PDB file of all heavy atoms in Angstrom:
ATOM      1  N   MET A   1       0.834  -1.214   0.000  1.00  0.00           N
ATOM      2  CA  MET A   1       0.000   0.000   0.000  1.00  0.00           C
ATOM      3  C   MET A   1       0.862   1.255   0.000  1.00  0.00           C
ATOM      4  O   MET A   1       0.618   2.206  -0.755  1.00  0.00           O
ATOM      5  CB  MET A   1      -0.909   0.001   1.230  1.00  0.00           C
ATOM      6  CG  MET A   1      -2.076  -0.953   1.150  1.00  0.00           C
ATOM      7  SD  MET A   1      -3.414  -0.264   0.168  1.00  0.00           S
ATOM      8  CE  MET A   1      -3.997   1.008   1.274  1.00  0.00           C
ATOM      9  N   GLU A   2       1.876   1.244   0.855  1.00  0.00           N
ATOM     10  CA  GLU A   2       2.751   2.419   0.974  1.00  0.00           C
ATOM     11  C   GLU A   2       3.486   2.695  -0.339  1.00  0.00           C
ATOM     12  O   GLU A   2       3.612   3.846  -0.774  1.00  0.00           O
ATOM     13  CB  GLU A   2       3.759   2.195   2.108  1.00  0.00           C
ATOM     14  CG  GLU A   2       4.637   3.408   2.388  1.00  0.00           C
ATOM     15  CD  GLU A   2       5.634   3.141   3.520  1.00  0.00           C
ATOM     16  OE1 GLU A   2       5.442   2.168   4.272  1.00  0.00           O
ATOM     17  OE2 GLU A   2       6.589   3.918   3.632  1.00  0.00           O
ATOM     18  N   TYR A   3       3.957   1.629  -0.984  1.00  0.00           N
ATOM     19  CA  TYR A   3       4.686   1.787  -2.251  1.00  0.00           C
ATOM     20  C   TYR A   3       3.756   2.339  -3.327  1.00  0.00           C
ATOM     21  O   TYR A   3       4.127   3.245  -4.084  1.00  0.00           O
ATOM     22  CB  TYR A   3       5.270   0.450  -2.692  1.00  0.00           C
ATOM     23  CG  TYR A   3       6.331   0.570  -3.760  1.00  0.00           C
ATOM     24  CD1 TYR A   3       7.683   0.574  -3.428  1.00  0.00           C
ATOM     25  CD2 TYR A   3       5.996   0.723  -5.102  1.00  0.00           C
ATOM     26  CE1 TYR A   3       8.665   0.697  -4.394  1.00  0.00           C
ATOM     27  CE2 TYR A   3       6.962   0.852  -6.081  1.00  0.00           C
ATOM     28  CZ  TYR A   3       8.291   0.842  -5.725  1.00  0.00           C
ATOM     29  OH  TYR A   3       9.249   0.991  -6.690  1.00  0.00           O
ATOM     30  N   ILE A   4       2.542   1.795  -3.406  1.00  0.00           N
ATOM     31  CA  ILE A   4       1.570   2.253  -4.407  1.00  0.00           C
ATOM     32  C   ILE A   4       1.244   3.728  -4.200  1.00  0.00           C
ATOM     33  O   ILE A   4       1.229   4.521  -5.153  1.00  0.00           O
ATOM     34  CB  ILE A   4       0.289   1.395  -4.343  1.00  0.00           C
ATOM     35  CG1 ILE A   4       0.579  -0.025  -4.825  1.00  0.00           C
ATOM     36  CG2 ILE A   4      -0.825   2.008  -5.194  1.00  0.00           C
ATOM     37  CD1 ILE A   4      -0.547  -1.004  -4.578  1.00  0.00           C
ATOM     38  N   ARG A   5       0.996   4.106  -2.949  1.00  0.00           N
ATOM     39  CA  ARG A   5       0.658   5.511  -2.652  1.00  0.00           C
ATOM     40  C   ARG A   5       1.807   6.445  -2.999  1.00  0.00           C
ATOM     41  O   ARG A   5       1.609   7.533  -3.521  1.00  0.00           O
ATOM     42  CB  ARG A   5       0.295   5.644  -1.171  1.00  0.00           C
ATOM     43  CG  ARG A   5      -1.095   5.116  -0.838  1.00  0.00           C
ATOM     44  CD  ARG A   5      -1.329   5.139   0.644  1.00  0.00           C
ATOM     45  NE  ARG A   5      -2.673   4.681   0.980  1.00  0.00           N
ATOM     46  CZ  ARG A   5      -3.026   4.201   2.162  1.00  0.00           C
ATOM     47  NH1 ARG A   5      -2.123   4.109   3.131  1.00  0.00           N
ATOM     48  NH2 ARG A   5      -4.259   3.809   2.388  1.00  0.00           N
ATOM     49  N   LYS A   6       3.032   5.996  -2.703  1.00  0.00           N
ATOM     50  CA  LYS A   6       4.212   6.825  -2.999  1.00  0.00           C
ATOM     51  C   LYS A   6       4.322   7.084  -4.502  1.00  0.00           C
ATOM     52  O   LYS A   6       4.579   8.212  -4.936  1.00  0.00           O
ATOM     53  CB  LYS A   6       5.468   6.125  -2.494  1.00  0.00           C
ATOM     54  CG  LYS A   6       6.750   6.958  -2.640  1.00  0.00           C
ATOM     55  CD  LYS A   6       7.971   6.148  -2.284  1.00  0.00           C
ATOM     56  CE  LYS A   6       8.277   5.195  -3.416  1.00  0.00           C
ATOM     57  NZ  LYS A   6       9.608   4.604  -3.404  1.00  0.00           N
ATOM     58  N   GLU A   7       4.097   6.047  -5.307  1.00  0.00           N
ATOM     59  CA  GLU A   7       4.144   6.203  -6.760  1.00  0.00           C
ATOM     60  C   GLU A   7       3.023   7.113  -7.254  1.00  0.00           C
ATOM     61  O   GLU A   7       3.214   7.946  -8.133  1.00  0.00           O
ATOM     62  CB  GLU A   7       4.030   4.827  -7.439  1.00  0.00           C
ATOM     63  CG  GLU A   7       5.214   3.907  -7.212  1.00  0.00           C
ATOM     64  CD  GLU A   7       6.439   4.334  -8.006  1.00  0.00           C
ATOM     65  OE1 GLU A   7       6.384   4.329  -9.241  1.00  0.00           O
ATOM     66  OE2 GLU A   7       7.456   4.694  -7.369  1.00  0.00           O
ATOM     67  N   GLN A   8       1.840   6.968  -6.673  1.00  0.00           N
ATOM     68  CA  GLN A   8       0.694   7.773  -7.102  1.00  0.00           C
ATOM     69  C   GLN A   8       0.866   9.246  -6.741  1.00  0.00           C
ATOM     70  O   GLN A   8       0.441  10.127  -7.492  1.00  0.00           O
ATOM     71  CB  GLN A   8      -0.590   7.211  -6.492  1.00  0.00           C
ATOM     72  CG  GLN A   8      -1.016   5.877  -7.111  1.00  0.00           C
ATOM     73  CD  GLN A   8      -2.177   5.230  -6.390  1.00  0.00           C
ATOM     74  OE1 GLN A   8      -2.383   5.448  -5.195  1.00  0.00           O
ATOM     75  NE2 GLN A   8      -2.949   4.422  -7.098  1.00  0.00           N
ATOM     76  N   VAL A   9       1.498   9.508  -5.598  1.00  0.00           N
ATOM     77  CA  VAL A   9       1.768  10.897  -5.201  1.00  0.00           C
ATOM     78  C   VAL A   9       2.669  11.572  -6.230  1.00  0.00           C
ATOM     79  O   VAL A   9       2.561  12.775  -6.488  1.00  0.00           O
ATOM     80  CB  VAL A   9       2.413  10.932  -3.793  1.00  0.00           C
ATOM     81  CG1 VAL A   9       3.019  12.305  -3.508  1.00  0.00           C
ATOM     82  CG2 VAL A   9       1.371  10.598  -2.729  1.00  0.00           C
ATOM     83  N   GLU A  10       3.540  10.779  -6.860  1.00  0.00           N
ATOM     84  CA  GLU A  10       4.442  11.304  -7.892  1.00  0.00           C
ATOM     85  C   GLU A  10       3.766  11.402  -9.257  1.00  0.00           C
ATOM     86  O   GLU A  10       4.407  11.679 -10.264  1.00  0.00           O
ATOM     87  CB  GLU A  10       5.686  10.420  -7.987  1.00  0.00           C
ATOM     88  CG  GLU A  10       6.539  10.443  -6.719  1.00  0.00           C
ATOM     89  CD  GLU A  10       7.695   9.453  -6.784  1.00  0.00           C
ATOM     90  OE1 GLU A  10       7.874   8.819  -7.850  1.00  0.00           O
ATOM     91  OE2 GLU A  10       8.419   9.317  -5.783  1.00  0.00           O
ATOM     92  N   GLY A  11       2.441  11.139  -9.286  1.00  0.00           N
ATOM     93  CA  GLY A  11       1.674  11.288 -10.522  1.00  0.00           C
ATOM     94  C   GLY A  11       1.706  10.072 -11.428  1.00  0.00           C
ATOM     95  O   GLY A  11       1.375  10.174 -12.613  1.00  0.00           O
ATOM     96  N   LYS A  12       2.067   8.914 -10.888  1.00  0.00           N
ATOM     97  CA  LYS A  12       2.161   7.704 -11.703  1.00  0.00           C
ATOM     98  C   LYS A  12       0.927   6.824 -11.533  1.00  0.00           C
ATOM     99  O   LYS A  12       0.280   6.839 -10.483  1.00  0.00           O
ATOM    100  CB  LYS A  12       3.420   6.912 -11.334  1.00  0.00           C
ATOM    101  CG  LYS A  12       4.713   7.674 -11.611  1.00  0.00           C
ATOM    102  CD  LYS A  12       5.918   6.896 -11.143  1.00  0.00           C
ATOM    103  CE  LYS A  12       7.212   7.670 -11.399  1.00  0.00           C
ATOM    104  NZ  LYS A  12       8.396   6.958 -10.871  1.00  0.00           N
ATOM    105  N   LEU A  13       0.625   6.050 -12.581  1.00  0.00           N
ATOM    106  CA  LEU A  13      -0.457   5.066 -12.526  1.00  0.00           C
ATOM    107  C   LEU A  13       0.142   3.706 -12.196  1.00  0.00           C
ATOM    108  O   LEU A  13       1.135   3.302 -12.799  1.00  0.00           O
ATOM    109  CB  LEU A  13      -1.198   4.994 -13.865  1.00  0.00           C
ATOM    110  CG  LEU A  13      -1.967   6.260 -14.276  1.00  0.00           C
ATOM    111  CD1 LEU A  13      -2.592   6.067 -15.652  1.00  0.00           C
ATOM    112  CD2 LEU A  13      -3.045   6.592 -13.265  1.00  0.00           C
ATOM    113  N   VAL A  14      -0.471   3.009 -11.238  1.00  0.00           N
ATOM    114  CA  VAL A  14       0.107   1.773 -10.717  1.00  0.00           C
ATOM    115  C   VAL A  14      -0.849   0.605 -10.944  1.00  0.00           C
ATOM    116  O   VAL A  14      -2.064   0.734 -10.761  1.00  0.00           O
ATOM    117  CB  VAL A  14       0.407   1.898  -9.204  1.00  0.00           C
ATOM    118  CG1 VAL A  14       1.092   0.637  -8.689  1.00  0.00           C
ATOM    119  CG2 VAL A  14       1.268   3.122  -8.931  1.00  0.00           C
ATOM    120  N   ALA A  15      -0.285  -0.535 -11.345  1.00  0.00           N
ATOM    121  CA  ALA A  15      -1.061  -1.764 -11.516  1.00  0.00           C
ATOM    122  C   ALA A  15      -0.463  -2.855 -10.644  1.00  0.00           C
ATOM    123  O   ALA A  15       0.746  -2.891 -10.426  1.00  0.00           O
ATOM    124  CB  ALA A  15      -1.054  -2.216 -12.971  1.00  0.00           C
ATOM    125  N   MET A  16      -1.327  -3.715 -10.121  1.00  0.00           N
ATOM    126  CA  MET A  16      -0.823  -4.872  -9.370  1.00  0.00           C
ATOM    127  C   MET A  16      -1.816  -6.023  -9.480  1.00  0.00           C
ATOM    128  O   MET A  16      -2.967  -5.833  -9.872  1.00  0.00           O
ATOM    129  CB  MET A  16      -0.567  -4.524  -7.906  1.00  0.00           C
ATOM    130  CG  MET A  16      -1.798  -4.440  -7.036  1.00  0.00           C
ATOM    131  SD  MET A  16      -1.395  -4.637  -5.285  1.00  0.00           S
ATOM    132  CE  MET A  16      -1.090  -6.410  -5.208  1.00  0.00           C
ATOM    133  N   MET A  17      -1.343  -7.205  -9.158  1.00  0.00           N
ATOM    134  CA  MET A  17      -2.182  -8.403  -9.182  1.00  0.00           C
ATOM    135  C   MET A  17      -2.131  -9.069  -7.821  1.00  0.00           C
ATOM    136  O   MET A  17      -1.103  -9.067  -7.157  1.00  0.00           O
ATOM    137  CB  MET A  17      -1.690  -9.373 -10.255  1.00  0.00           C
ATOM    138  CG  MET A  17      -2.472 -10.665 -10.327  1.00  0.00           C
ATOM    139  SD  MET A  17      -1.983 -11.700 -11.735  1.00  0.00           S
ATOM    140  CE  MET A  17      -3.112 -11.090 -12.971  1.00  0.00           C
ATOM    141  N   GLY A  18      -3.274  -9.631  -7.388  1.00  0.00           N
ATOM    142  CA  GLY A  18      -3.324 -10.322  -6.103  1.00  0.00           C
ATOM    143  C   GLY A  18      -4.466 -11.313  -6.074  1.00  0.00           C
ATOM    144  O   GLY A  18      -5.349 -11.287  -6.922  1.00  0.00           O
ATOM    145  N   ASP A  19      -4.438 -12.190  -5.067  1.00  0.00           N
ATOM    146  CA  ASP A  19      -5.512 -13.178  -4.965  1.00  0.00           C
ATOM    147  C   ASP A  19      -6.037 -13.356  -3.548  1.00  0.00           C
ATOM    148  O   ASP A  19      -7.068 -13.991  -3.344  1.00  0.00           O
ATOM    149  CB  ASP A  19      -5.049 -14.534  -5.505  1.00  0.00           C
ATOM    150  CG  ASP A  19      -3.815 -15.062  -4.781  1.00  0.00           C
ATOM    151  OD1 ASP A  19      -3.364 -14.404  -3.822  1.00  0.00           O
ATOM    152  OD2 ASP A  19      -3.311 -16.122  -5.165  1.00  0.00           O
ATOM    153  N   GLY A  20      -5.351 -12.807  -2.566  1.00  0.00           N
ATOM    154  CA  GLY A  20      -5.745 -13.018  -1.181  1.00  0.00           C
ATOM    155  C   GLY A  20      -6.497 -11.848  -0.577  1.00  0.00           C
ATOM    156  O   GLY A  20      -6.468 -10.736  -1.098  1.00  0.00           O
ATOM    157  N   THR A  21      -7.148 -12.111   0.548  1.00  0.00           N
ATOM    158  CA  THR A  21      -7.848 -11.044   1.267  1.00  0.00           C
ATOM    159  C   THR A  21      -6.862  -9.964   1.695  1.00  0.00           C
ATOM    160  O   THR A  21      -7.187  -8.773   1.699  1.00  0.00           O
ATOM    161  CB  THR A  21      -8.558 -11.638   2.498  1.00  0.00           C
ATOM    162  OG1 THR A  21      -9.494 -12.628   2.051  1.00  0.00           O
ATOM    163  CG2 THR A  21      -9.296 -10.566   3.276  1.00  0.00           C
ATOM    164  N   ASN A  22      -5.630 -10.392   2.030  1.00  0.00           N
ATOM    165  CA  ASN A  22      -4.625  -9.404   2.439  1.00  0.00           C
ATOM    166  C   ASN A  22      -4.165  -8.526   1.275  1.00  0.00           C
ATOM    167  O   ASN A  22      -3.536  -7.489   1.477  1.00  0.00           O
ATOM    168  CB  ASN A  22      -3.419 -10.097   3.081  1.00  0.00           C
ATOM    169  CG  ASN A  22      -2.675 -10.993   2.112  1.00  0.00           C
ATOM    170  OD1 ASN A  22      -3.248 -11.464   1.130  1.00  0.00           O
ATOM    171  ND2 ASN A  22      -1.403 -11.227   2.369  1.00  0.00           N
ATOM    172  N   ASP A  23      -4.470  -8.944   0.032  1.00  0.00           N
ATOM    173  CA  ASP A  23      -4.128  -8.124  -1.133  1.00  0.00           C
ATOM    174  C   ASP A  23      -5.211  -7.098  -1.454  1.00  0.00           C
ATOM    175  O   ASP A  23      -4.984  -6.179  -2.252  1.00  0.00           O
ATOM    176  CB  ASP A  23      -3.930  -9.007  -2.378  1.00  0.00           C
ATOM    177  CG  ASP A  23      -2.676  -9.855  -2.298  1.00  0.00           C
ATOM    178  OD1 ASP A  23      -1.674  -9.362  -1.761  1.00  0.00           O
ATOM    179  OD2 ASP A  23      -2.709 -11.002  -2.756  1.00  0.00           O
ATOM    180  N   ALA A  24      -6.416  -7.277  -0.881  1.00  0.00           N
ATOM    181  CA  ALA A  24      -7.566  -6.436  -1.239  1.00  0.00           C
ATOM    182  C   ALA A  24      -7.304  -4.942  -1.069  1.00  0.00           C
ATOM    183  O   ALA A  24      -7.641  -4.154  -1.965  1.00  0.00           O
ATOM    184  CB  ALA A  24      -8.799  -6.866  -0.446  1.00  0.00           C
ATOM    185  N   PRO A  25      -6.712  -4.476   0.056  1.00  0.00           N
ATOM    186  CA  PRO A  25      -6.473  -3.024   0.195  1.00  0.00           C
ATOM    187  C   PRO A  25      -5.585  -2.468  -0.920  1.00  0.00           C
ATOM    188  O   PRO A  25      -5.859  -1.398  -1.462  1.00  0.00           O
ATOM    189  CB  PRO A  25      -5.795  -2.905   1.565  1.00  0.00           C
ATOM    190  CG  PRO A  25      -6.223  -4.124   2.311  1.00  0.00           C
ATOM    191  CD  PRO A  25      -6.321  -5.204   1.280  1.00  0.00           C
ATOM    192  N   ALA A  26      -4.517  -3.214  -1.263  1.00  0.00           N
ATOM    193  CA  ALA A  26      -3.606  -2.745  -2.309  1.00  0.00           C
ATOM    194  C   ALA A  26      -4.268  -2.796  -3.681  1.00  0.00           C
ATOM    195  O   ALA A  26      -4.061  -1.914  -4.517  1.00  0.00           O
ATOM    196  CB  ALA A  26      -2.324  -3.582  -2.306  1.00  0.00           C
ATOM    197  N   LEU A  27      -5.092  -3.823  -3.933  1.00  0.00           N
ATOM    198  CA  LEU A  27      -5.814  -3.924  -5.211  1.00  0.00           C
ATOM    199  C   LEU A  27      -6.768  -2.749  -5.373  1.00  0.00           C
ATOM    200  O   LEU A  27      -6.923  -2.204  -6.469  1.00  0.00           O
ATOM    201  CB  LEU A  27      -6.598  -5.239  -5.278  1.00  0.00           C
ATOM    202  CG  LEU A  27      -5.790  -6.513  -5.508  1.00  0.00           C
ATOM    203  CD1 LEU A  27      -6.663  -7.744  -5.296  1.00  0.00           C
ATOM    204  CD2 LEU A  27      -5.196  -6.538  -6.908  1.00  0.00           C
ATOM    205  N   ALA A  28      -7.424  -2.373  -4.284  1.00  0.00           N
ATOM    206  CA  ALA A  28      -8.350  -1.244  -4.331  1.00  0.00           C
ATOM    207  C   ALA A  28      -7.611   0.076  -4.505  1.00  0.00           C
ATOM    208  O   ALA A  28      -8.087   0.987  -5.183  1.00  0.00           O
ATOM    209  CB  ALA A  28      -9.192  -1.207  -3.055  1.00  0.00           C
ATOM    210  N   GLN A  29      -6.415   0.191  -3.914  1.00  0.00           N
ATOM    211  CA  GLN A  29      -5.635   1.427  -3.997  1.00  0.00           C
ATOM    212  C   GLN A  29      -5.005   1.598  -5.376  1.00  0.00           C
ATOM    213  O   GLN A  29      -4.903   2.724  -5.888  1.00  0.00           O
ATOM    214  CB  GLN A  29      -4.524   1.398  -2.941  1.00  0.00           C
ATOM    215  CG  GLN A  29      -3.617   2.624  -2.934  1.00  0.00           C
ATOM    216  CD  GLN A  29      -4.338   3.877  -2.493  1.00  0.00           C
ATOM    217  OE1 GLN A  29      -5.200   3.837  -1.624  1.00  0.00           O
ATOM    218  NE2 GLN A  29      -4.000   5.007  -3.087  1.00  0.00           N
ATOM    219  N   ALA A  30      -4.599   0.491  -6.004  1.00  0.00           N
ATOM    220  CA  ALA A  30      -3.942   0.564  -7.311  1.00  0.00           C
ATOM    221  C   ALA A  30      -4.907   1.080  -8.375  1.00  0.00           C
ATOM    222  O   ALA A  30      -6.122   0.894  -8.279  1.00  0.00           O
ATOM    223  CB  ALA A  30      -3.414  -0.809  -7.710  1.00  0.00           C
ATOM    224  N   ASP A  31      -4.362   1.742  -9.388  1.00  0.00           N
ATOM    225  CA  ASP A  31      -5.198   2.232 -10.490  1.00  0.00           C
ATOM    226  C   ASP A  31      -5.747   1.068 -11.304  1.00  0.00           C
ATOM    227  O   ASP A  31      -6.853   1.127 -11.820  1.00  0.00           O
ATOM    228  CB  ASP A  31      -4.373   3.171 -11.382  1.00  0.00           C
ATOM    229  CG  ASP A  31      -3.857   4.368 -10.608  1.00  0.00           C
ATOM    230  OD1 ASP A  31      -4.648   5.268 -10.317  1.00  0.00           O
ATOM    231  OD2 ASP A  31      -2.658   4.375 -10.270  1.00  0.00           O
ATOM    232  N   ILE A  32      -4.938   0.011 -11.427  1.00  0.00           N
ATOM    233  CA  ILE A  32      -5.383  -1.234 -12.060  1.00  0.00           C
ATOM    234  C   ILE A  32      -5.127  -2.357 -11.076  1.00  0.00           C
ATOM    235  O   ILE A  32      -3.983  -2.665 -10.747  1.00  0.00           O
ATOM    236  CB  ILE A  32      -4.618  -1.512 -13.375  1.00  0.00           C
ATOM    237  CG1 ILE A  32      -4.957  -0.469 -14.419  1.00  0.00           C
ATOM    238  CG2 ILE A  32      -4.969  -2.896 -13.905  1.00  0.00           C
ATOM    239  CD1 ILE A  32      -6.400  -0.473 -14.868  1.00  0.00           C
ATOM    240  N   GLY A  33      -6.204  -2.958 -10.584  1.00  0.00           N
ATOM    241  CA  GLY A  33      -6.094  -4.084  -9.668  1.00  0.00           C
ATOM    242  C   GLY A  33      -6.641  -5.324 -10.342  1.00  0.00           C
ATOM    243  O   GLY A  33      -7.823  -5.390 -10.666  1.00  0.00           O
ATOM    244  N   VAL A  34      -5.775  -6.304 -10.593  1.00  0.00           N
ATOM    245  CA  VAL A  34      -6.193  -7.537 -11.263  1.00  0.00           C
ATOM    246  C   VAL A  34      -6.268  -8.649 -10.225  1.00  0.00           C
ATOM    247  O   VAL A  34      -5.250  -9.025  -9.641  1.00  0.00           O
ATOM    248  CB  VAL A  34      -5.226  -7.927 -12.394  1.00  0.00           C
ATOM    249  CG1 VAL A  34      -5.746  -9.153 -13.126  1.00  0.00           C
ATOM    250  CG2 VAL A  34      -5.038  -6.776 -13.359  1.00  0.00           C
ATOM    251  N   ALA A  35      -7.473  -9.158  -9.998  1.00  0.00           N
ATOM    252  CA  ALA A  35      -7.672 -10.228  -9.027  1.00  0.00           C
ATOM    253  C   ALA A  35      -7.719 -11.575  -9.737  1.00  0.00           C
ATOM    254  O   ALA A  35      -8.227 -11.677 -10.856  1.00  0.00           O
ATOM    255  CB  ALA A  35      -8.960 -10.003  -8.250  1.00  0.00           C
ATOM    256  N   MET A  36      -7.184 -12.593  -9.090  1.00  0.00           N
ATOM    257  CA  MET A  36      -7.256 -13.954  -9.621  1.00  0.00           C
ATOM    258  C   MET A  36      -8.675 -14.488  -9.428  1.00  0.00           C
ATOM    259  O   MET A  36      -9.267 -14.289  -8.369  1.00  0.00           O
ATOM    260  CB  MET A  36      -6.283 -14.868  -8.876  1.00  0.00           C
ATOM    261  CG  MET A  36      -4.840 -14.443  -8.993  1.00  0.00           C
ATOM    262  SD  MET A  36      -4.116 -15.039 -10.501  1.00  0.00           S
ATOM    263  CE  MET A  36      -2.391 -15.049 -10.048  1.00  0.00           C
ATOM    264  N   ASN A  37      -9.195 -15.203 -10.412  1.00  0.00           N
ATOM    265  CA  ASN A  37     -10.519 -15.805 -10.280  1.00  0.00           C
ATOM    266  C   ASN A  37     -10.552 -16.845  -9.168  1.00  0.00           C
ATOM    267  O   ASN A  37     -11.587 -17.079  -8.557  1.00  0.00           O
ATOM    268  CB  ASN A  37     -10.935 -16.448 -11.607  1.00  0.00           C
ATOM    269  CG  ASN A  37     -12.364 -16.931 -11.584  1.00  0.00           C
ATOM    270  OD1 ASN A  37     -13.244 -16.277 -11.027  1.00  0.00           O
ATOM    271  ND2 ASN A  37     -12.626 -18.076 -12.174  1.00  0.00           N
ATOM    272  N   SER A  38      -9.392 -17.459  -8.886  1.00  0.00           N
ATOM    273  CA  SER A  38      -9.308 -18.468  -7.831  1.00  0.00           C
ATOM    274  C   SER A  38      -9.178 -17.844  -6.449  1.00  0.00           C
ATOM    275  O   SER A  38      -9.234 -18.539  -5.445  1.00  0.00           O
ATOM    276  CB  SER A  38      -8.106 -19.380  -8.083  1.00  0.00           C
ATOM    277  OG  SER A  38      -6.907 -18.613  -8.028  1.00  0.00           O
ATOM    278  N   GLY A  39      -8.993 -16.542  -6.410  1.00  0.00           N
ATOM    279  CA  GLY A  39      -8.751 -15.861  -5.149  1.00  0.00           C
ATOM    280  C   GLY A  39     -10.008 -15.659  -4.325  1.00  0.00           C
ATOM    281  O   GLY A  39     -11.096 -16.125  -4.659  1.00  0.00           O
TER     282      GLY A  39
END
């Protein structure tokens, strides 16, 4: 989350992929959040 926010503060668009509940906050924060169907 901290890394994504730091990049976004610098005006960058961030993408990430995750599958777990612990990934949900970062997926929501990222400009592109790709979730696994198995997640």
